[in-house]
Amino acid sequence: MGRQSLYPEEFRKDAVALYRAADGKRTYAAVAADLGISGETLRTWVRKDTARQHGAEGRRVDAGEASADELARLRAENARLRGAEKEWQLEREILRRAAAYFAKEVK
């Protein structure tokens, strides 16, 4: 049995996610320095997480495939949010005009 980690599981997961979000643009050492840990510690966490993912899925997921799926999901979400933003702008414009109308009527 190994010794207990100094870092909580949630911190380790967040650190791995932060490294993966950099998408190869930042080194282990650069991300680790931001978090106050060593680069080798972060590298170990990433390796363990990758092994756990591959073991849980029963097959190896291509990183490019996972990135493409995530990119497609994020683009769809972005389009949905932009549509909602247009609706909110229209609602605000209607409310602004209604407030101006009633303000004139009160005077």
PDB file of N, CA and C in Angstrom:
ATOM      1  N   MET A   1       0.845  -1.174   0.000  1.00  0.00           N
ATOM      2  CA  MET A   1       0.000   0.000   0.000  1.00  0.00           C
ATOM      3  C   MET A   1       0.889   1.235   0.000  1.00  0.00           C
ATOM      4  N   GLY A   2       0.636   2.172  -0.903  1.00  0.00           N
ATOM      5  CA  GLY A   2       1.426   3.396  -1.001  1.00  0.00           C
ATOM      6  C   GLY A   2       0.967   4.425   0.009  1.00  0.00           C
ATOM      7  N   ARG A   3       1.744   5.478   0.088  1.00  0.00           N
ATOM      8  CA  ARG A   3       1.362   6.525   1.033  1.00  0.00           C
ATOM      9  C   ARG A   3       0.246   7.380   0.453  1.00  0.00           C
ATOM     10  N   GLN A   4      -0.468   8.043   1.325  1.00  0.00           N
ATOM     11  CA  GLN A   4      -1.592   8.879   0.897  1.00  0.00           C
ATOM     12  C   GLN A   4      -1.075  10.164   0.258  1.00  0.00           C
ATOM     13  N   SER A   5      -1.764  10.593  -0.779  1.00  0.00           N
ATOM     14  CA  SER A   5      -1.371  11.787  -1.512  1.00  0.00           C
ATOM     15  C   SER A   5      -1.578  13.041  -0.664  1.00  0.00           C
ATOM     16  N   LEU A   6      -0.713  14.015  -0.890  1.00  0.00           N
ATOM     17  CA  LEU A   6      -0.854  15.294  -0.201  1.00  0.00           C
ATOM     18  C   LEU A   6      -1.972  16.135  -0.814  1.00  0.00           C
ATOM     19  N   TYR A   7      -2.407  15.756  -2.012  1.00  0.00           N
ATOM     20  CA  TYR A   7      -3.381  16.549  -2.753  1.00  0.00           C
ATOM     21  C   TYR A   7      -4.709  15.800  -2.858  1.00  0.00           C
ATOM     22  N   PRO A   8      -5.811  16.507  -2.674  1.00  0.00           N
ATOM     23  CA  PRO A   8      -7.117  15.855  -2.791  1.00  0.00           C
ATOM     24  C   PRO A   8      -7.378  15.381  -4.226  1.00  0.00           C
ATOM     25  N   GLU A   9      -8.217  14.406  -4.362  1.00  0.00           N
ATOM     26  CA  GLU A   9      -8.553  13.835  -5.671  1.00  0.00           C
ATOM     27  C   GLU A   9      -9.114  14.900  -6.618  1.00  0.00           C
ATOM     28  N   GLU A  10      -9.943  15.768  -6.104  1.00  0.00           N
ATOM     29  CA  GLU A  10     -10.536  16.818  -6.942  1.00  0.00           C
ATOM     30  C   GLU A  10      -9.462  17.748  -7.510  1.00  0.00           C
ATOM     31  N   PHE A  11      -8.469  18.090  -6.702  1.00  0.00           N
ATOM     32  CA  PHE A  11      -7.365  18.933  -7.169  1.00  0.00           C
ATOM     33  C   PHE A  11      -6.592  18.233  -8.281  1.00  0.00           C
ATOM     34  N   ARG A  12      -6.355  16.940  -8.102  1.00  0.00           N
ATOM     35  CA  ARG A  12      -5.627  16.189  -9.124  1.00  0.00           C
ATOM     36  C   ARG A  12      -6.409  16.134 -10.432  1.00  0.00           C
ATOM     37  N   LYS A  13      -7.715  15.902 -10.329  1.00  0.00           N
ATOM     38  CA  LYS A  13      -8.544  15.860 -11.539  1.00  0.00           C
ATOM     39  C   LYS A  13      -8.560  17.218 -12.240  1.00  0.00           C
ATOM     40  N   ASP A  14      -8.674  18.284 -11.459  1.00  0.00           N
ATOM     41  CA  ASP A  14      -8.669  19.629 -12.035  1.00  0.00           C
ATOM     42  C   ASP A  14      -7.336  19.944 -12.696  1.00  0.00           C
ATOM     43  N   ALA A  15      -6.244  19.508 -12.081  1.00  0.00           N
ATOM     44  CA  ALA A  15      -4.914  19.748 -12.651  1.00  0.00           C
ATOM     45  C   ALA A  15      -4.761  19.015 -13.982  1.00  0.00           C
ATOM     46  N   VAL A  16      -5.223  17.768 -14.043  1.00  0.00           N
ATOM     47  CA  VAL A  16      -5.160  16.996 -15.283  1.00  0.00           C
ATOM     48  C   VAL A  16      -6.018  17.663 -16.357  1.00  0.00           C
ATOM     49  N   ALA A  17      -7.213  18.102 -15.981  1.00  0.00           N
ATOM     50  CA  ALA A  17      -8.096  18.769 -16.941  1.00  0.00           C
ATOM     51  C   ALA A  17      -7.472  20.066 -17.449  1.00  0.00           C
ATOM     52  N   LEU A  18      -6.818  20.793 -16.562  1.00  0.00           N
ATOM     53  CA  LEU A  18      -6.168  22.045 -16.957  1.00  0.00           C
ATOM     54  C   LEU A  18      -5.046  21.768 -17.950  1.00  0.00           C
ATOM     55  N   TYR A  19      -4.259  20.734 -17.702  1.00  0.00           N
ATOM     56  CA  TYR A  19      -3.181  20.382 -18.630  1.00  0.00           C
ATOM     57  C   TYR A  19      -3.755  19.972 -19.988  1.00  0.00           C
ATOM     58  N   ARG A  20      -4.796  19.171 -19.949  1.00  0.00           N
ATOM     59  CA  ARG A  20      -5.386  18.714 -21.217  1.00  0.00           C
ATOM     60  C   ARG A  20      -6.062  19.851 -21.961  1.00  0.00           C
ATOM     61  N   ALA A  21      -6.600  20.821 -21.246  1.00  0.00           N
ATOM     62  CA  ALA A  21      -7.235  21.969 -21.895  1.00  0.00           C
ATOM     63  C   ALA A  21      -6.211  22.813 -22.642  1.00  0.00           C
ATOM     64  N   ALA A  22      -4.962  22.772 -22.208  1.00  0.00           N
ATOM     65  CA  ALA A  22      -3.903  23.522 -22.891  1.00  0.00           C
ATOM     66  C   ALA A  22      -3.622  22.916 -24.256  1.00  0.00           C
ATOM     67  N   ASP A  23      -4.061  21.679 -24.487  1.00  0.00           N
ATOM     68  CA  ASP A  23      -4.001  21.023 -25.792  1.00  0.00           C
ATOM     69  C   ASP A  23      -2.612  21.042 -26.407  1.00  0.00           C
ATOM     70  N   GLY A  24      -1.598  20.753 -25.590  1.00  0.00           N
ATOM     71  CA  GLY A  24      -0.230  20.667 -26.092  1.00  0.00           C
ATOM     72  C   GLY A  24       0.475  22.008 -26.246  1.00  0.00           C
ATOM     73  N   LYS A  25      -0.191  23.087 -25.927  1.00  0.00           N
ATOM     74  CA  LYS A  25       0.414  24.410 -26.064  1.00  0.00           C
ATOM     75  C   LYS A  25       1.263  24.785 -24.847  1.00  0.00           C
ATOM     76  N   ARG A  26       1.075  24.071 -23.748  1.00  0.00           N
ATOM     77  CA  ARG A  26       1.850  24.343 -22.544  1.00  0.00           C
ATOM     78  C   ARG A  26       2.464  23.033 -22.058  1.00  0.00           C
ATOM     79  N   THR A  27       3.624  23.137 -21.466  1.00  0.00           N
ATOM     80  CA  THR A  27       4.321  21.950 -20.974  1.00  0.00           C
ATOM     81  C   THR A  27       3.783  21.548 -19.612  1.00  0.00           C
ATOM     82  N   TYR A  28       4.142  20.314 -19.211  1.00  0.00           N
ATOM     83  CA  TYR A  28       3.782  19.868 -17.871  1.00  0.00           C
ATOM     84  C   TYR A  28       4.323  20.857 -16.841  1.00  0.00           C
ATOM     85  N   ALA A  29       5.578  21.262 -17.030  1.00  0.00           N
ATOM     86  CA  ALA A  29       6.226  22.139 -16.056  1.00  0.00           C
ATOM     87  C   ALA A  29       5.525  23.485 -15.954  1.00  0.00           C
ATOM     88  N   ALA A  30       5.082  24.038 -17.079  1.00  0.00           N
ATOM     89  CA  ALA A  30       4.425  25.348 -17.060  1.00  0.00           C
ATOM     90  C   ALA A  30       3.088  25.283 -16.327  1.00  0.00           C
ATOM     91  N   VAL A  31       2.292  24.256 -16.630  1.00  0.00           N
ATOM     92  CA  VAL A  31       0.996  24.106 -15.953  1.00  0.00           C
ATOM     93  C   VAL A  31       1.218  23.808 -14.473  1.00  0.00           C
ATOM     94  N   ALA A  32       2.175  22.935 -14.187  1.00  0.00           N
ATOM     95  CA  ALA A  32       2.454  22.563 -12.794  1.00  0.00           C
ATOM     96  C   ALA A  32       2.935  23.769 -11.989  1.00  0.00           C
ATOM     97  N   ALA A  33       3.751  24.626 -12.592  1.00  0.00           N
ATOM     98  CA  ALA A  33       4.248  25.808 -11.883  1.00  0.00           C
ATOM     99  C   ALA A  33       3.085  26.717 -11.485  1.00  0.00           C
ATOM    100  N   ASP A  34       2.088  26.843 -12.356  1.00  0.00           N
ATOM    101  CA  ASP A  34       0.909  27.646 -12.033  1.00  0.00           C
ATOM    102  C   ASP A  34       0.142  27.079 -10.839  1.00  0.00           C
ATOM    103  N   LEU A  35       0.212  25.761 -10.686  1.00  0.00           N
ATOM    104  CA  LEU A  35      -0.526  25.096  -9.615  1.00  0.00           C
ATOM    105  C   LEU A  35       0.295  24.895  -8.347  1.00  0.00           C
ATOM    106  N   GLY A  36       1.592  25.166  -8.431  1.00  0.00           N
ATOM    107  CA  GLY A  36       2.449  25.006  -7.261  1.00  0.00           C
ATOM    108  C   GLY A  36       2.859  23.569  -6.997  1.00  0.00           C
ATOM    109  N   ILE A  37       2.931  22.767  -8.038  1.00  0.00           N
ATOM    110  CA  ILE A  37       3.368  21.381  -7.905  1.00  0.00           C
ATOM    111  C   ILE A  37       4.511  21.146  -8.890  1.00  0.00           C
ATOM    112  N   SER A  38       5.137  19.971  -8.819  1.00  0.00           N
ATOM    113  CA  SER A  38       6.233  19.692  -9.747  1.00  0.00           C
ATOM    114  C   SER A  38       5.670  19.157 -11.067  1.00  0.00           C
ATOM    115  N   GLY A  39       6.442  19.354 -12.111  1.00  0.00           N
ATOM    116  CA  GLY A  39       6.030  18.872 -13.421  1.00  0.00           C
ATOM    117  C   GLY A  39       5.904  17.364 -13.463  1.00  0.00           C
ATOM    118  N   GLU A  40       6.789  16.678 -12.766  1.00  0.00           N
ATOM    119  CA  GLU A  40       6.746  15.212 -12.752  1.00  0.00           C
ATOM    120  C   GLU A  40       5.501  14.693 -12.028  1.00  0.00           C
ATOM    121  N   THR A  41       5.069  15.417 -10.995  1.00  0.00           N
ATOM    122  CA  THR A  41       3.839  15.033 -10.293  1.00  0.00           C
ATOM    123  C   THR A  41       2.657  15.121 -11.242  1.00  0.00           C
ATOM    124  N   LEU A  42       2.575  16.231 -11.969  1.00  0.00           N
ATOM    125  CA  LEU A  42       1.478  16.400 -12.922  1.00  0.00           C
ATOM    126  C   LEU A  42       1.544  15.336 -14.011  1.00  0.00           C
ATOM    127  N   ARG A  43       2.739  15.048 -14.501  1.00  0.00           N
ATOM    128  CA  ARG A  43       2.905  14.038 -15.550  1.00  0.00           C
ATOM    129  C   ARG A  43       2.397  12.675 -15.056  1.00  0.00           C
ATOM    130  N   THR A  44       2.700  12.345 -13.810  1.00  0.00           N
ATOM    131  CA  THR A  44       2.246  11.082 -13.235  1.00  0.00           C
ATOM    132  C   THR A  44       0.725  11.034 -13.155  1.00  0.00           C
ATOM    133  N   TRP A  45       0.125  12.131 -12.710  1.00  0.00           N
ATOM    134  CA  TRP A  45      -1.334  12.189 -12.620  1.00  0.00           C
ATOM    135  C   TRP A  45      -1.979  12.021 -13.985  1.00  0.00           C
ATOM    136  N   VAL A  46      -1.414  12.664 -15.002  1.00  0.00           N
ATOM    137  CA  VAL A  46      -1.965  12.564 -16.355  1.00  0.00           C
ATOM    138  C   VAL A  46      -1.850  11.123 -16.850  1.00  0.00           C
ATOM    139  N   ARG A  47      -0.710  10.490 -16.633  1.00  0.00           N
ATOM    140  CA  ARG A  47      -0.524   9.099 -17.060  1.00  0.00           C
ATOM    141  C   ARG A  47      -1.511   8.169 -16.373  1.00  0.00           C
ATOM    142  N   LYS A  48      -1.685   8.337 -15.074  1.00  0.00           N
ATOM    143  CA  LYS A  48      -2.621   7.482 -14.330  1.00  0.00           C
ATOM    144  C   LYS A  48      -4.054   7.693 -14.816  1.00  0.00           C
ATOM    145  N   ASP A  49      -4.418   8.943 -15.061  1.00  0.00           N
ATOM    146  CA  ASP A  49      -5.760   9.237 -15.538  1.00  0.00           C
ATOM    147  C   ASP A  49      -5.988   8.639 -16.925  1.00  0.00           C
ATOM    148  N   THR A  50      -4.990   8.749 -17.783  1.00  0.00           N
ATOM    149  CA  THR A  50      -5.094   8.178 -19.129  1.00  0.00           C
ATOM    150  C   THR A  50      -5.247   6.665 -19.048  1.00  0.00           C
ATOM    151  N   ALA A  51      -4.463   6.021 -18.199  1.00  0.00           N
ATOM    152  CA  ALA A  51      -4.551   4.568 -18.034  1.00  0.00           C
ATOM    153  C   ALA A  51      -5.915   4.179 -17.488  1.00  0.00           C
ATOM    154  N   ARG A  52      -6.421   4.948 -16.548  1.00  0.00           N
ATOM    155  CA  ARG A  52      -7.739   4.663 -15.970  1.00  0.00           C
ATOM    156  C   ARG A  52      -8.832   4.806 -17.025  1.00  0.00           C
ATOM    157  N   GLN A  53      -8.734   5.834 -17.863  1.00  0.00           N
ATOM    158  CA  GLN A  53      -9.731   6.028 -18.926  1.00  0.00           C
ATOM    159  C   GLN A  53      -9.698   4.879 -19.925  1.00  0.00           C
ATOM    160  N   HIS A  54      -8.504   4.476 -20.329  1.00  0.00           N
ATOM    161  CA  HIS A  54      -8.382   3.399 -21.306  1.00  0.00           C
ATOM    162  C   HIS A  54      -8.865   2.084 -20.720  1.00  0.00           C
ATOM    163  N   GLY A  55      -8.599   1.870 -19.447  1.00  0.00           N
ATOM    164  CA  GLY A  55      -9.044   0.644 -18.801  1.00  0.00           C
ATOM    165  C   GLY A  55     -10.548   0.620 -18.631  1.00  0.00           C
ATOM    166  N   ALA A  56     -11.144   1.742 -18.306  1.00  0.00           N
ATOM    167  CA  ALA A  56     -12.584   1.811 -18.079  1.00  0.00           C
ATOM    168  C   ALA A  56     -13.357   1.662 -19.382  1.00  0.00           C
ATOM    169  N   GLU A  57     -12.810   2.168 -20.467  1.00  0.00           N
ATOM    170  CA  GLU A  57     -13.515   2.113 -21.737  1.00  0.00           C
ATOM    171  C   GLU A  57     -13.324   0.779 -22.436  1.00  0.00           C
ATOM    172  N   GLY A  58     -12.272   0.071 -22.078  1.00  0.00           N
ATOM    173  CA  GLY A  58     -12.030  -1.202 -22.703  1.00  0.00           C
ATOM    174  C   GLY A  58     -11.399  -1.072 -24.091  1.00  0.00           C
ATOM    175  N   ARG A  59     -11.196   0.125 -24.552  1.00  0.00           N
ATOM    176  CA  ARG A  59     -10.538   0.358 -25.836  1.00  0.00           C
ATOM    177  C   ARG A  59      -9.814   1.684 -25.745  1.00  0.00           C
ATOM    178  N   ARG A  60      -8.867   1.860 -26.596  1.00  0.00           N
ATOM    179  CA  ARG A  60      -8.094   3.098 -26.593  1.00  0.00           C
ATOM    180  C   ARG A  60      -8.799   4.126 -27.465  1.00  0.00           C
ATOM    181  N   VAL A  61      -9.080   5.283 -26.893  1.00  0.00           N
ATOM    182  CA  VAL A  61      -9.727   6.350 -27.630  1.00  0.00           C
ATOM    183  C   VAL A  61      -8.654   7.246 -28.212  1.00  0.00           C
ATOM    184  N   ASP A  62      -8.730   7.478 -29.494  1.00  0.00           N
ATOM    185  CA  ASP A  62      -7.777   8.357 -30.156  1.00  0.00           C
ATOM    186  C   ASP A  62      -7.987   9.780 -29.642  1.00  0.00           C
ATOM    187  N   ALA A  63      -6.899  10.444 -29.284  1.00  0.00           N
ATOM    188  CA  ALA A  63      -6.998  11.808 -28.748  1.00  0.00           C
ATOM    189  C   ALA A  63      -7.608  12.745 -29.772  1.00  0.00           C
ATOM    190  N   GLY A  64      -7.284  12.552 -31.037  1.00  0.00           N
ATOM    191  CA  GLY A  64      -7.860  13.392 -32.088  1.00  0.00           C
ATOM    192  C   GLY A  64      -9.357  13.188 -32.210  1.00  0.00           C
ATOM    193  N   GLU A  65      -9.795  11.949 -32.052  1.00  0.00           N
ATOM    194  CA  GLU A  65     -11.221  11.632 -32.112  1.00  0.00           C
ATOM    195  C   GLU A  65     -11.961  12.278 -30.946  1.00  0.00           C
ATOM    196  N   ALA A  66     -11.391  12.178 -29.753  1.00  0.00           N
ATOM    197  CA  ALA A  66     -12.016  12.781 -28.580  1.00  0.00           C
ATOM    198  C   ALA A  66     -12.059  14.296 -28.728  1.00  0.00           C
ATOM    199  N   SER A  67     -10.990  14.889 -29.247  1.00  0.00           N
ATOM    200  CA  SER A  67     -10.953  16.329 -29.442  1.00  0.00           C
ATOM    201  C   SER A  67     -11.984  16.763 -30.462  1.00  0.00           C
ATOM    202  N   ALA A  68     -12.132  15.991 -31.531  1.00  0.00           N
ATOM    203  CA  ALA A  68     -13.108  16.327 -32.569  1.00  0.00           C
ATOM    204  C   ALA A  68     -14.525  16.247 -32.020  1.00  0.00           C
ATOM    205  N   ASP A  69     -14.794  15.225 -31.214  1.00  0.00           N
ATOM    206  CA  ASP A  69     -16.123  15.098 -30.603  1.00  0.00           C
ATOM    207  C   ASP A  69     -16.408  16.270 -29.671  1.00  0.00           C
ATOM    208  N   GLU A  70     -15.425  16.617 -28.863  1.00  0.00           N
ATOM    209  CA  GLU A  70     -15.608  17.730 -27.938  1.00  0.00           C
ATOM    210  C   GLU A  70     -15.772  19.045 -28.688  1.00  0.00           C
ATOM    211  N   LEU A  71     -14.998  19.229 -29.753  1.00  0.00           N
ATOM    212  CA  LEU A  71     -15.099  20.439 -30.552  1.00  0.00           C
ATOM    213  C   LEU A  71     -16.486  20.559 -31.168  1.00  0.00           C
ATOM    214  N   ALA A  72     -17.017  19.466 -31.692  1.00  0.00           N
ATOM    215  CA  ALA A  72     -18.359  19.475 -32.276  1.00  0.00           C
ATOM    216  C   ALA A  72     -19.403  19.817 -31.209  1.00  0.00           C
ATOM    217  N   ARG A  73     -19.248  19.235 -30.020  1.00  0.00           N
ATOM    218  CA  ARG A  73     -20.191  19.510 -28.941  1.00  0.00           C
ATOM    219  C   ARG A  73     -20.137  20.980 -28.529  1.00  0.00           C
ATOM    220  N   LEU A  74     -18.925  21.515 -28.408  1.00  0.00           N
ATOM    221  CA  LEU A  74     -18.772  22.908 -28.005  1.00  0.00           C
ATOM    222  C   LEU A  74     -19.296  23.868 -29.065  1.00  0.00           C
ATOM    223  N   ARG A  75     -19.100  23.534 -30.339  1.00  0.00           N
ATOM    224  CA  ARG A  75     -19.633  24.387 -31.411  1.00  0.00           C
ATOM    225  C   ARG A  75     -21.153  24.403 -31.392  1.00  0.00           C
ATOM    226  N   ALA A  76     -21.763  23.247 -31.143  1.00  0.00           N
ATOM    227  CA  ALA A  76     -23.222  23.179 -31.062  1.00  0.00           C
ATOM    228  C   ALA A  76     -23.727  24.004 -29.874  1.00  0.00           C
ATOM    229  N   GLU A  77     -23.046  23.888 -28.745  1.00  0.00           N
ATOM    230  CA  GLU A  77     -23.441  24.660 -27.566  1.00  0.00           C
ATOM    231  C   GLU A  77     -23.272  26.155 -27.811  1.00  0.00           C
ATOM    232  N   ASN A  78     -22.184  26.523 -28.487  1.00  0.00           N
ATOM    233  CA  ASN A  78     -21.933  27.924 -28.807  1.00  0.00           C
ATOM    234  C   ASN A  78     -23.049  28.471 -29.694  1.00  0.00           C
ATOM    235  N   ALA A  79     -23.449  27.713 -30.710  1.00  0.00           N
ATOM    236  CA  ALA A  79     -24.527  28.146 -31.603  1.00  0.00           C
ATOM    237  C   ALA A  79     -25.834  28.302 -30.836  1.00  0.00           C
ATOM    238  N   ARG A  80     -26.101  27.366 -29.934  1.00  0.00           N
ATOM    239  CA  ARG A  80     -27.327  27.447 -29.133  1.00  0.00           C
ATOM    240  C   ARG A  80     -27.323  28.698 -28.258  1.00  0.00           C
ATOM    241  N   LEU A  81     -26.179  28.981 -27.634  1.00  0.00           N
ATOM    242  CA  LEU A  81     -26.088  30.146 -26.757  1.00  0.00           C
ATOM    243  C   LEU A  81     -26.175  31.449 -27.540  1.00  0.00           C
ATOM    244  N   ARG A  82     -25.607  31.488 -28.740  1.00  0.00           N
ATOM    245  CA  ARG A  82     -25.717  32.693 -29.567  1.00  0.00           C
ATOM    246  C   ARG A  82     -27.166  32.946 -29.952  1.00  0.00           C
ATOM    247  N   GLY A  83     -27.910  31.894 -30.244  1.00  0.00           N
ATOM    248  CA  GLY A  83     -29.336  32.038 -30.547  1.00  0.00           C
ATOM    249  C   GLY A  83     -30.098  32.572 -29.353  1.00  0.00           C
ATOM    250  N   ALA A  84     -29.767  32.077 -28.173  1.00  0.00           N
ATOM    251  CA  ALA A  84     -30.423  32.549 -26.955  1.00  0.00           C
ATOM    252  C   ALA A  84     -30.075  34.012 -26.694  1.00  0.00           C
ATOM    253  N   GLU A  85     -28.848  34.385 -27.004  1.00  0.00           N
ATOM    254  CA  GLU A  85     -28.430  35.774 -26.799  1.00  0.00           C
ATOM    255  C   GLU A  85     -29.252  36.711 -27.681  1.00  0.00           C
ATOM    256  N   LYS A  86     -29.522  36.316 -28.917  1.00  0.00           N
ATOM    257  CA  LYS A  86     -30.326  37.139 -29.818  1.00  0.00           C
ATOM    258  C   LYS A  86     -31.743  37.293 -29.278  1.00  0.00           C
ATOM    259  N   GLU A  87     -32.269  36.201 -28.716  1.00  0.00           N
ATOM    260  CA  GLU A  87     -33.608  36.270 -28.120  1.00  0.00           C
ATOM    261  C   GLU A  87     -33.623  37.247 -26.952  1.00  0.00           C
ATOM    262  N   TRP A  88     -32.584  37.202 -26.116  1.00  0.00           N
ATOM    263  CA  TRP A  88     -32.518  38.102 -24.970  1.00  0.00           C
ATOM    264  C   TRP A  88     -32.397  39.552 -25.416  1.00  0.00           C
ATOM    265  N   GLN A  89     -31.647  39.790 -26.483  1.00  0.00           N
ATOM    266  CA  GLN A  89     -31.516  41.155 -26.995  1.00  0.00           C
ATOM    267  C   GLN A  89     -32.868  41.666 -27.471  1.00  0.00           C
ATOM    268  N   LEU A  90     -33.624  40.815 -28.145  1.00  0.00           N
ATOM    269  CA  LEU A  90     -34.948  41.203 -28.612  1.00  0.00           C
ATOM    270  C   LEU A  90     -35.867  41.496 -27.424  1.00  0.00           C
ATOM    271  N   GLU A  91     -35.826  40.655 -26.416  1.00  0.00           N
ATOM    272  CA  GLU A  91     -36.653  40.882 -25.220  1.00  0.00           C
ATOM    273  C   GLU A  91     -36.286  42.201 -24.545  1.00  0.00           C
ATOM    274  N   ARG A  92     -34.983  42.478 -24.419  1.00  0.00           N
ATOM    275  CA  ARG A  92     -34.557  43.741 -23.804  1.00  0.00           C
ATOM    276  C   ARG A  92     -35.018  44.935 -24.616  1.00  0.00           C
ATOM    277  N   GLU A  93     -34.973  44.827 -25.939  1.00  0.00           N
ATOM    278  CA  GLU A  93     -35.410  45.929 -26.805  1.00  0.00           C
ATOM    279  C   GLU A  93     -36.906  46.178 -26.634  1.00  0.00           C
ATOM    280  N   ILE A  94     -37.679  45.116 -26.563  1.00  0.00           N
ATOM    281  CA  ILE A  94     -39.127  45.253 -26.361  1.00  0.00           C
ATOM    282  C   ILE A  94     -39.397  45.917 -25.015  1.00  0.00           C
ATOM    283  N   LEU A  95     -38.705  45.461 -23.969  1.00  0.00           N
ATOM    284  CA  LEU A  95     -38.902  46.050 -22.640  1.00  0.00           C
ATOM    285  C   LEU A  95     -38.464  47.510 -22.599  1.00  0.00           C
ATOM    286  N   ARG A  96     -37.370  47.841 -23.286  1.00  0.00           N
ATOM    287  CA  ARG A  96     -36.903  49.221 -23.327  1.00  0.00           C
ATOM    288  C   ARG A  96     -37.944  50.107 -23.993  1.00  0.00           C
ATOM    289  N   ARG A  97     -38.500  49.648 -25.104  1.00  0.00           N
ATOM    290  CA  ARG A  97     -39.515  50.437 -25.811  1.00  0.00           C
ATOM    291  C   ARG A  97     -40.790  50.585 -24.980  1.00  0.00           C
ATOM    292  N   ALA A  98     -41.170  49.508 -24.303  1.00  0.00           N
ATOM    293  CA  ALA A  98     -42.367  49.568 -23.457  1.00  0.00           C
ATOM    294  C   ALA A  98     -42.153  50.550 -22.306  1.00  0.00           C
ATOM    295  N   ALA A  99     -40.977  50.528 -21.702  1.00  0.00           N
ATOM    296  CA  ALA A  99     -40.684  51.451 -20.605  1.00  0.00           C
ATOM    297  C   ALA A  99     -40.706  52.892 -21.105  1.00  0.00           C
ATOM    298  N   ALA A 100     -40.163  53.128 -22.287  1.00  0.00           N
ATOM    299  CA  ALA A 100     -40.179  54.485 -22.855  1.00  0.00           C
ATOM    300  C   ALA A 100     -41.605  54.921 -23.144  1.00  0.00           C
ATOM    301  N   TYR A 101     -42.426  54.037 -23.657  1.00  0.00           N
ATOM    302  CA  TYR A 101     -43.822  54.359 -23.965  1.00  0.00           C
ATOM    303  C   TYR A 101     -44.586  54.746 -22.702  1.00  0.00           C
ATOM    304  N   PHE A 102     -44.434  53.924 -21.663  1.00  0.00           N
ATOM    305  CA  PHE A 102     -45.172  54.196 -20.423  1.00  0.00           C
ATOM    306  C   PHE A 102     -44.612  55.419 -19.714  1.00  0.00           C
ATOM    307  N   ALA A 103     -43.335  55.694 -19.870  1.00  0.00           N
ATOM    308  CA  ALA A 103     -42.749  56.889 -19.265  1.00  0.00           C
ATOM    309  C   ALA A 103     -43.340  58.140 -19.917  1.00  0.00           C
ATOM    310  N   LYS A 104     -43.565  58.120 -21.208  1.00  0.00           N
ATOM    311  CA  LYS A 104     -44.194  59.253 -21.912  1.00  0.00           C
ATOM    312  C   LYS A 104     -45.632  59.426 -21.438  1.00  0.00           C
ATOM    313  N   GLU A 105     -46.334  58.313 -21.261  1.00  0.00           N
ATOM    314  CA  GLU A 105     -47.720  58.348 -20.876  1.00  0.00           C
ATOM    315  C   GLU A 105     -47.924  58.910 -19.473  1.00  0.00           C
ATOM    316  N   VAL A 106     -46.981  58.675 -18.589  1.00  0.00           N
ATOM    317  CA  VAL A 106     -47.074  59.114 -17.199  1.00  0.00           C
ATOM    318  C   VAL A 106     -46.897  60.628 -17.118  1.00  0.00           C
ATOM    319  N   LYS A 107     -46.049  61.205 -17.961  1.00  0.00           N
ATOM    320  CA  LYS A 107     -45.776  62.637 -17.913  1.00  0.00           C
ATOM    321  C   LYS A 107     -46.916  63.436 -18.302  1.00  0.00           C
TER     322      LYS A 107
END
